[in-house]
Amino acid sequence: MSFKLPDLPYDFGALEPHIDAKTMEIHHDKHHGGYTTKLNAAVETENISSSNIEEILANVSKYSTDVRNNGGGYYNHNLFWEILNPNGGGNPTGDLGKAIESTFGSYEKFKDEFSKAAASRFGSGWAWLVNENGKLKIGSTANQDSPLMDISDFKGKPIIGLDVWEHAYYLKYQNRRPEYIEAFFNIINWEKANELFKA
């Protein structure tokens, strides 16, 4: 049972002007495609019988660096495409909106804390909003590590993940990561984030 590269739920150019079409094409087809291909090769080499990526990540300490890096890259990007939406942005709604208000004090305070986590991640990695046993937390992981991994020092069930690898933004924003982070808030799919929070 091999892992498949999911189709984007929108066109490459749908997130303009926040994320450009060329970046989306390269990011999805080449980077996510590469993680998918290498994950399948690693899973085959190591005779991993599970086809559940969350299960594999939860036990990633048993496997090679190839499984860790490519399994993380595969899962993280699957989530990333889903929590972006051309008609996204605005304030969070529903149960997640209420939980953000009560945990962080306001949406603006949440934005500040999330932006700091994304901007201060040294080198490549991800910023996250996670649900840990019913509590919302913000943090970051290096490289393609995921909060689902048993080896991660930041744990929880991902609700929102922001890719801060340079390949996610460099064509448009160059070294201006804070501008990319600010643009991200205009395309967050709060409906999907709510689903993940409730699940």
C-alpha atoms as a PDB file:
ATOM      1  CA  MET A   1       0.000   0.000   0.000  1.00  0.00           C
ATOM      2  CA  SER A   2       1.789   3.128  -1.138  1.00  0.00           C
ATOM      3  CA  PHE A   3       1.257   6.732  -0.059  1.00  0.00           C
ATOM      4  CA  LYS A   4      -0.158   9.014  -2.744  1.00  0.00           C
ATOM      5  CA  LEU A   5       0.528  12.665  -3.413  1.00  0.00           C
ATOM      6  CA  PRO A   6      -2.845  14.370  -2.897  1.00  0.00           C
ATOM      7  CA  ASP A   7      -4.113  16.803  -5.516  1.00  0.00           C
ATOM      8  CA  LEU A   8      -4.237  20.426  -4.433  1.00  0.00           C
ATOM      9  CA  PRO A   9      -7.833  21.402  -3.586  1.00  0.00           C
ATOM     10  CA  TYR A  10      -7.424  24.592  -5.715  1.00  0.00           C
ATOM     11  CA  ASP A  11      -5.378  25.854  -8.683  1.00  0.00           C
ATOM     12  CA  PHE A  12      -1.704  26.778  -8.279  1.00  0.00           C
ATOM     13  CA  GLY A  13      -2.594  30.461  -8.684  1.00  0.00           C
ATOM     14  CA  ALA A  14      -5.635  30.441  -6.401  1.00  0.00           C
ATOM     15  CA  LEU A  15      -3.770  31.808  -3.374  1.00  0.00           C
ATOM     16  CA  GLU A  16      -2.368  34.862  -5.221  1.00  0.00           C
ATOM     17  CA  PRO A  17      -1.291  37.456  -4.202  1.00  0.00           C
ATOM     18  CA  HIS A  18      -0.445  35.833  -0.844  1.00  0.00           C
ATOM     19  CA  ILE A  19       1.395  32.808  -2.277  1.00  0.00           C
ATOM     20  CA  ASP A  20       2.405  32.871  -5.934  1.00  0.00           C
ATOM     21  CA  ALA A  21       1.494  30.187  -8.485  1.00  0.00           C
ATOM     22  CA  LYS A  22       5.094  29.195  -9.320  1.00  0.00           C
ATOM     23  CA  THR A  23       5.912  28.604  -5.639  1.00  0.00           C
ATOM     24  CA  MET A  24       2.770  26.495  -5.232  1.00  0.00           C
ATOM     25  CA  GLU A  25       3.598  24.419  -8.307  1.00  0.00           C
ATOM     26  CA  ILE A  26       7.188  23.720  -7.248  1.00  0.00           C
ATOM     27  CA  HIS A  27       6.234  23.230  -3.596  1.00  0.00           C
ATOM     28  CA  HIS A  28       3.469  20.721  -4.343  1.00  0.00           C
ATOM     29  CA  ASP A  29       4.811  18.853  -7.362  1.00  0.00           C
ATOM     30  CA  LYS A  30       8.545  18.797  -6.582  1.00  0.00           C
ATOM     31  CA  HIS A  31       8.918  19.092  -2.799  1.00  0.00           C
ATOM     32  CA  HIS A  32       5.789  17.272  -1.601  1.00  0.00           C
ATOM     33  CA  GLY A  33       6.095  14.889  -4.545  1.00  0.00           C
ATOM     34  CA  GLY A  34       9.690  14.148  -3.521  1.00  0.00           C
ATOM     35  CA  TYR A  35       8.755  13.440   0.104  1.00  0.00           C
ATOM     36  CA  THR A  36       6.001  11.088  -1.094  1.00  0.00           C
ATOM     37  CA  THR A  37       8.310   9.118  -3.409  1.00  0.00           C
ATOM     38  CA  LYS A  38      11.060   8.832  -0.780  1.00  0.00           C
ATOM     39  CA  LEU A  39       8.596   7.874   1.969  1.00  0.00           C
ATOM     40  CA  ASN A  40       7.282   5.018  -0.189  1.00  0.00           C
ATOM     41  CA  ALA A  41      10.852   3.815  -0.845  1.00  0.00           C
ATOM     42  CA  ALA A  42      11.739   3.974   2.887  1.00  0.00           C
ATOM     43  CA  VAL A  43       8.553   2.179   3.966  1.00  0.00           C
ATOM     44  CA  GLU A  44       9.285  -0.598   1.442  1.00  0.00           C
ATOM     45  CA  THR A  45      12.949  -0.908   2.472  1.00  0.00           C
ATOM     46  CA  GLU A  46      12.032  -1.147   6.154  1.00  0.00           C
ATOM     47  CA  ASN A  47       9.015  -3.447   5.620  1.00  0.00           C
ATOM     48  CA  ILE A  48       6.639  -1.110   7.452  1.00  0.00           C
ATOM     49  CA  SER A  49       3.201  -2.665   7.183  1.00  0.00           C
ATOM     50  CA  SER A  50       1.146   0.317   8.426  1.00  0.00           C
ATOM     51  CA  SER A  51      -0.401   2.570   5.803  1.00  0.00           C
ATOM     52  CA  ASN A  52      -1.485   5.066   8.473  1.00  0.00           C
ATOM     53  CA  ILE A  53       0.950   7.988   8.413  1.00  0.00           C
ATOM     54  CA  GLU A  54      -0.123   9.223  11.870  1.00  0.00           C
ATOM     55  CA  GLU A  55       0.604   5.776  13.332  1.00  0.00           C
ATOM     56  CA  ILE A  56       4.037   5.717  11.668  1.00  0.00           C
ATOM     57  CA  LEU A  57       4.898   9.182  13.010  1.00  0.00           C
ATOM     58  CA  ALA A  58       3.713   8.245  16.523  1.00  0.00           C
ATOM     59  CA  ASN A  59       6.330   5.442  16.482  1.00  0.00           C
ATOM     60  CA  VAL A  60       8.955   7.161  14.340  1.00  0.00           C
ATOM     61  CA  SER A  61      11.758   6.500  16.844  1.00  0.00           C
ATOM     62  CA  LYS A  62      11.681   2.857  15.666  1.00  0.00           C
ATOM     63  CA  TYR A  63      12.483   3.845  12.092  1.00  0.00           C
ATOM     64  CA  SER A  64      15.245   5.443  10.042  1.00  0.00           C
ATOM     65  CA  THR A  65      15.929   9.136   9.450  1.00  0.00           C
ATOM     66  CA  ASP A  66      14.493   8.610   5.945  1.00  0.00           C
ATOM     67  CA  VAL A  67      11.111   7.677   7.428  1.00  0.00           C
ATOM     68  CA  ARG A  68      11.290  10.554   9.919  1.00  0.00           C
ATOM     69  CA  ASN A  69      12.165  13.227   7.334  1.00  0.00           C
ATOM     70  CA  ASN A  70       9.982  12.037   4.465  1.00  0.00           C
ATOM     71  CA  GLY A  71       7.078  10.832   6.623  1.00  0.00           C
ATOM     72  CA  GLY A  72       7.043  14.211   8.337  1.00  0.00           C
ATOM     73  CA  GLY A  73       7.301  16.042   5.017  1.00  0.00           C
ATOM     74  CA  TYR A  74       4.456  13.974   3.596  1.00  0.00           C
ATOM     75  CA  TYR A  75       2.108  14.476   6.565  1.00  0.00           C
ATOM     76  CA  ASN A  76       2.947  18.158   7.172  1.00  0.00           C
ATOM     77  CA  HIS A  77       2.265  19.142   3.565  1.00  0.00           C
ATOM     78  CA  ASN A  78      -0.982  17.127   3.400  1.00  0.00           C
ATOM     79  CA  LEU A  79      -2.184  19.267   6.297  1.00  0.00           C
ATOM     80  CA  PHE A  80      -0.733  22.521   4.911  1.00  0.00           C
ATOM     81  CA  TRP A  81      -2.677  22.375   1.627  1.00  0.00           C
ATOM     82  CA  GLU A  82      -5.922  21.655   3.497  1.00  0.00           C
ATOM     83  CA  ILE A  83      -5.642  24.583   5.894  1.00  0.00           C
ATOM     84  CA  LEU A  84      -5.097  27.064   3.054  1.00  0.00           C
ATOM     85  CA  ASN A  85      -8.070  28.426   1.136  1.00  0.00           C
ATOM     86  CA  PRO A  86      -8.445  31.209  -1.452  1.00  0.00           C
ATOM     87  CA  ASN A  87     -11.563  32.360   0.460  1.00  0.00           C
ATOM     88  CA  GLY A  88      -9.952  31.926   3.873  1.00  0.00           C
ATOM     89  CA  GLY A  89      -8.707  34.442   6.388  1.00  0.00           C
ATOM     90  CA  GLY A  90     -10.729  36.650   8.675  1.00  0.00           C
ATOM     91  CA  ASN A  91     -11.291  35.731  12.308  1.00  0.00           C
ATOM     92  CA  PRO A  92     -11.570  32.145  13.507  1.00  0.00           C
ATOM     93  CA  THR A  93     -15.120  30.947  14.043  1.00  0.00           C
ATOM     94  CA  GLY A  94     -16.998  28.234  15.923  1.00  0.00           C
ATOM     95  CA  ASP A  95     -15.549  26.199  18.777  1.00  0.00           C
ATOM     96  CA  LEU A  96     -11.976  26.913  17.688  1.00  0.00           C
ATOM     97  CA  GLY A  97     -12.626  30.661  17.653  1.00  0.00           C
ATOM     98  CA  LYS A  98     -13.937  30.453  21.240  1.00  0.00           C
ATOM     99  CA  ALA A  99     -10.992  28.289  22.331  1.00  0.00           C
ATOM    100  CA  ILE A 100      -8.493  30.750  20.782  1.00  0.00           C
ATOM    101  CA  GLU A 101     -10.182  33.647  22.620  1.00  0.00           C
ATOM    102  CA  SER A 102     -10.150  31.851  25.974  1.00  0.00           C
ATOM    103  CA  THR A 103      -6.602  30.465  25.618  1.00  0.00           C
ATOM    104  CA  PHE A 104      -4.766  33.474  24.190  1.00  0.00           C
ATOM    105  CA  GLY A 105      -7.033  36.356  25.245  1.00  0.00           C
ATOM    106  CA  SER A 106      -7.877  37.467  21.702  1.00  0.00           C
ATOM    107  CA  TYR A 107      -7.325  36.565  18.071  1.00  0.00           C
ATOM    108  CA  GLU A 108      -4.731  39.375  17.815  1.00  0.00           C
ATOM    109  CA  LYS A 109      -2.748  37.894  20.714  1.00  0.00           C
ATOM    110  CA  PHE A 110      -2.939  34.455  19.078  1.00  0.00           C
ATOM    111  CA  LYS A 111      -1.651  35.976  15.820  1.00  0.00           C
ATOM    112  CA  ASP A 112       1.261  37.633  17.635  1.00  0.00           C
ATOM    113  CA  GLU A 113       2.277  34.441  19.423  1.00  0.00           C
ATOM    114  CA  PHE A 114       1.927  32.279  16.308  1.00  0.00           C
ATOM    115  CA  SER A 115       3.874  34.819  14.214  1.00  0.00           C
ATOM    116  CA  LYS A 116       6.684  34.853  16.788  1.00  0.00           C
ATOM    117  CA  ALA A 117       6.901  31.041  16.748  1.00  0.00           C
ATOM    118  CA  ALA A 118       7.108  31.087  12.933  1.00  0.00           C
ATOM    119  CA  ALA A 119       9.576  33.985  12.683  1.00  0.00           C
ATOM    120  CA  SER A 120      11.908  32.727  15.424  1.00  0.00           C
ATOM    121  CA  ARG A 121      12.215  29.133  14.121  1.00  0.00           C
ATOM    122  CA  PHE A 122      15.898  29.120  13.171  1.00  0.00           C
ATOM    123  CA  GLY A 123      16.541  27.689   9.713  1.00  0.00           C
ATOM    124  CA  SER A 124      13.916  25.349   8.279  1.00  0.00           C
ATOM    125  CA  GLY A 125      10.839  24.105  10.077  1.00  0.00           C
ATOM    126  CA  TRP A 126       7.188  24.604  10.920  1.00  0.00           C
ATOM    127  CA  ALA A 127       5.053  26.709  13.276  1.00  0.00           C
ATOM    128  CA  TRP A 128       2.054  24.959  14.804  1.00  0.00           C
ATOM    129  CA  LEU A 129      -1.216  25.405  16.616  1.00  0.00           C
ATOM    130  CA  VAL A 130      -1.944  22.069  18.288  1.00  0.00           C
ATOM    131  CA  ASN A 131      -4.538  20.554  20.558  1.00  0.00           C
ATOM    132  CA  GLU A 132      -2.942  18.692  23.454  1.00  0.00           C
ATOM    133  CA  ASN A 133      -5.570  16.950  25.580  1.00  0.00           C
ATOM    134  CA  GLY A 134      -8.126  19.691  24.930  1.00  0.00           C
ATOM    135  CA  LYS A 135      -5.666  22.586  25.400  1.00  0.00           C
ATOM    136  CA  LEU A 136      -4.424  24.801  22.577  1.00  0.00           C
ATOM    137  CA  LYS A 137      -0.662  25.369  22.330  1.00  0.00           C
ATOM    138  CA  ILE A 138       1.609  27.222  19.902  1.00  0.00           C
ATOM    139  CA  GLY A 139       5.125  26.044  19.100  1.00  0.00           C
ATOM    140  CA  SER A 140       7.476  25.027  16.331  1.00  0.00           C
ATOM    141  CA  THR A 141       9.485  22.049  15.112  1.00  0.00           C
ATOM    142  CA  ALA A 142      12.677  21.807  13.096  1.00  0.00           C
ATOM    143  CA  ASN A 143      12.943  20.477   9.553  1.00  0.00           C
ATOM    144  CA  GLN A 144      10.000  18.153   8.762  1.00  0.00           C
ATOM    145  CA  ASP A 145       9.381  17.051  12.341  1.00  0.00           C
ATOM    146  CA  SER A 146       5.756  16.873  13.420  1.00  0.00           C
ATOM    147  CA  PRO A 147       4.112  17.319  16.836  1.00  0.00           C
ATOM    148  CA  LEU A 148       2.728  13.789  16.283  1.00  0.00           C
ATOM    149  CA  MET A 149       6.220  12.263  16.463  1.00  0.00           C
ATOM    150  CA  ASP A 150       7.228  10.414  19.626  1.00  0.00           C
ATOM    151  CA  ILE A 151      10.671  12.082  19.349  1.00  0.00           C
ATOM    152  CA  SER A 152       9.275  15.629  19.154  1.00  0.00           C
ATOM    153  CA  ASP A 153       9.819  17.960  22.121  1.00  0.00           C
ATOM    154  CA  PHE A 154       6.655  19.838  21.054  1.00  0.00           C
ATOM    155  CA  LYS A 155       3.645  17.505  20.982  1.00  0.00           C
ATOM    156  CA  GLY A 156      -0.052  17.666  20.193  1.00  0.00           C
ATOM    157  CA  LYS A 157      -2.602  17.093  17.445  1.00  0.00           C
ATOM    158  CA  PRO A 158      -1.933  19.616  14.651  1.00  0.00           C
ATOM    159  CA  ILE A 159      -4.727  22.053  13.800  1.00  0.00           C
ATOM    160  CA  ILE A 160      -2.712  24.642  11.849  1.00  0.00           C
ATOM    161  CA  GLY A 161       0.798  24.251  10.456  1.00  0.00           C
ATOM    162  CA  LEU A 162       2.807  26.915   8.652  1.00  0.00           C
ATOM    163  CA  ASP A 163       5.752  25.818   6.517  1.00  0.00           C
ATOM    164  CA  VAL A 164       8.664  28.214   7.118  1.00  0.00           C
ATOM    165  CA  TRP A 165      11.186  26.430   4.904  1.00  0.00           C
ATOM    166  CA  GLU A 166      12.543  28.936   2.389  1.00  0.00           C
ATOM    167  CA  HIS A 167      11.113  26.899  -0.500  1.00  0.00           C
ATOM    168  CA  ALA A 168       7.630  27.862   0.774  1.00  0.00           C
ATOM    169  CA  TYR A 169       8.130  31.591   0.243  1.00  0.00           C
ATOM    170  CA  TYR A 170      11.504  32.578  -1.262  1.00  0.00           C
ATOM    171  CA  LEU A 171      10.446  33.267  -4.873  1.00  0.00           C
ATOM    172  CA  LYS A 172       8.018  35.964  -3.747  1.00  0.00           C
ATOM    173  CA  TYR A 173       9.302  37.127  -0.363  1.00  0.00           C
ATOM    174  CA  GLN A 174      13.055  36.357  -0.530  1.00  0.00           C
ATOM    175  CA  ASN A 175      14.399  36.821   3.025  1.00  0.00           C
ATOM    176  CA  ARG A 176      11.241  38.609   4.256  1.00  0.00           C
ATOM    177  CA  ARG A 177       9.774  35.725   6.238  1.00  0.00           C
ATOM    178  CA  PRO A 178       7.620  38.037   8.445  1.00  0.00           C
ATOM    179  CA  GLU A 179       5.750  39.277   5.319  1.00  0.00           C
ATOM    180  CA  TYR A 180       5.009  35.682   4.298  1.00  0.00           C
ATOM    181  CA  ILE A 181       3.774  34.911   7.825  1.00  0.00           C
ATOM    182  CA  GLU A 182       1.488  37.968   7.744  1.00  0.00           C
ATOM    183  CA  ALA A 183       0.123  36.922   4.323  1.00  0.00           C
ATOM    184  CA  PHE A 184      -0.660  33.427   5.665  1.00  0.00           C
ATOM    185  CA  PHE A 185      -3.390  34.807   7.952  1.00  0.00           C
ATOM    186  CA  ASN A 186      -5.326  35.958   4.848  1.00  0.00           C
ATOM    187  CA  ILE A 187      -5.718  32.407   3.539  1.00  0.00           C
ATOM    188  CA  ILE A 188      -6.234  30.238   6.641  1.00  0.00           C
ATOM    189  CA  ASN A 189      -9.118  27.823   6.131  1.00  0.00           C
ATOM    190  CA  TRP A 190     -10.831  28.253   9.522  1.00  0.00           C
ATOM    191  CA  GLU A 191     -13.566  25.795   8.549  1.00  0.00           C
ATOM    192  CA  LYS A 192     -10.999  23.007   8.138  1.00  0.00           C
ATOM    193  CA  ALA A 193      -9.121  24.101  11.277  1.00  0.00           C
ATOM    194  CA  ASN A 194     -12.415  23.861  13.204  1.00  0.00           C
ATOM    195  CA  GLU A 195     -12.971  20.324  11.892  1.00  0.00           C
ATOM    196  CA  LEU A 196      -9.498  19.288  13.025  1.00  0.00           C
ATOM    197  CA  PHE A 197     -10.021  20.918  16.425  1.00  0.00           C
ATOM    198  CA  LYS A 198     -13.306  19.080  16.977  1.00  0.00           C
ATOM    199  CA  ALA A 199     -11.874  15.754  15.767  1.00  0.00           C
END
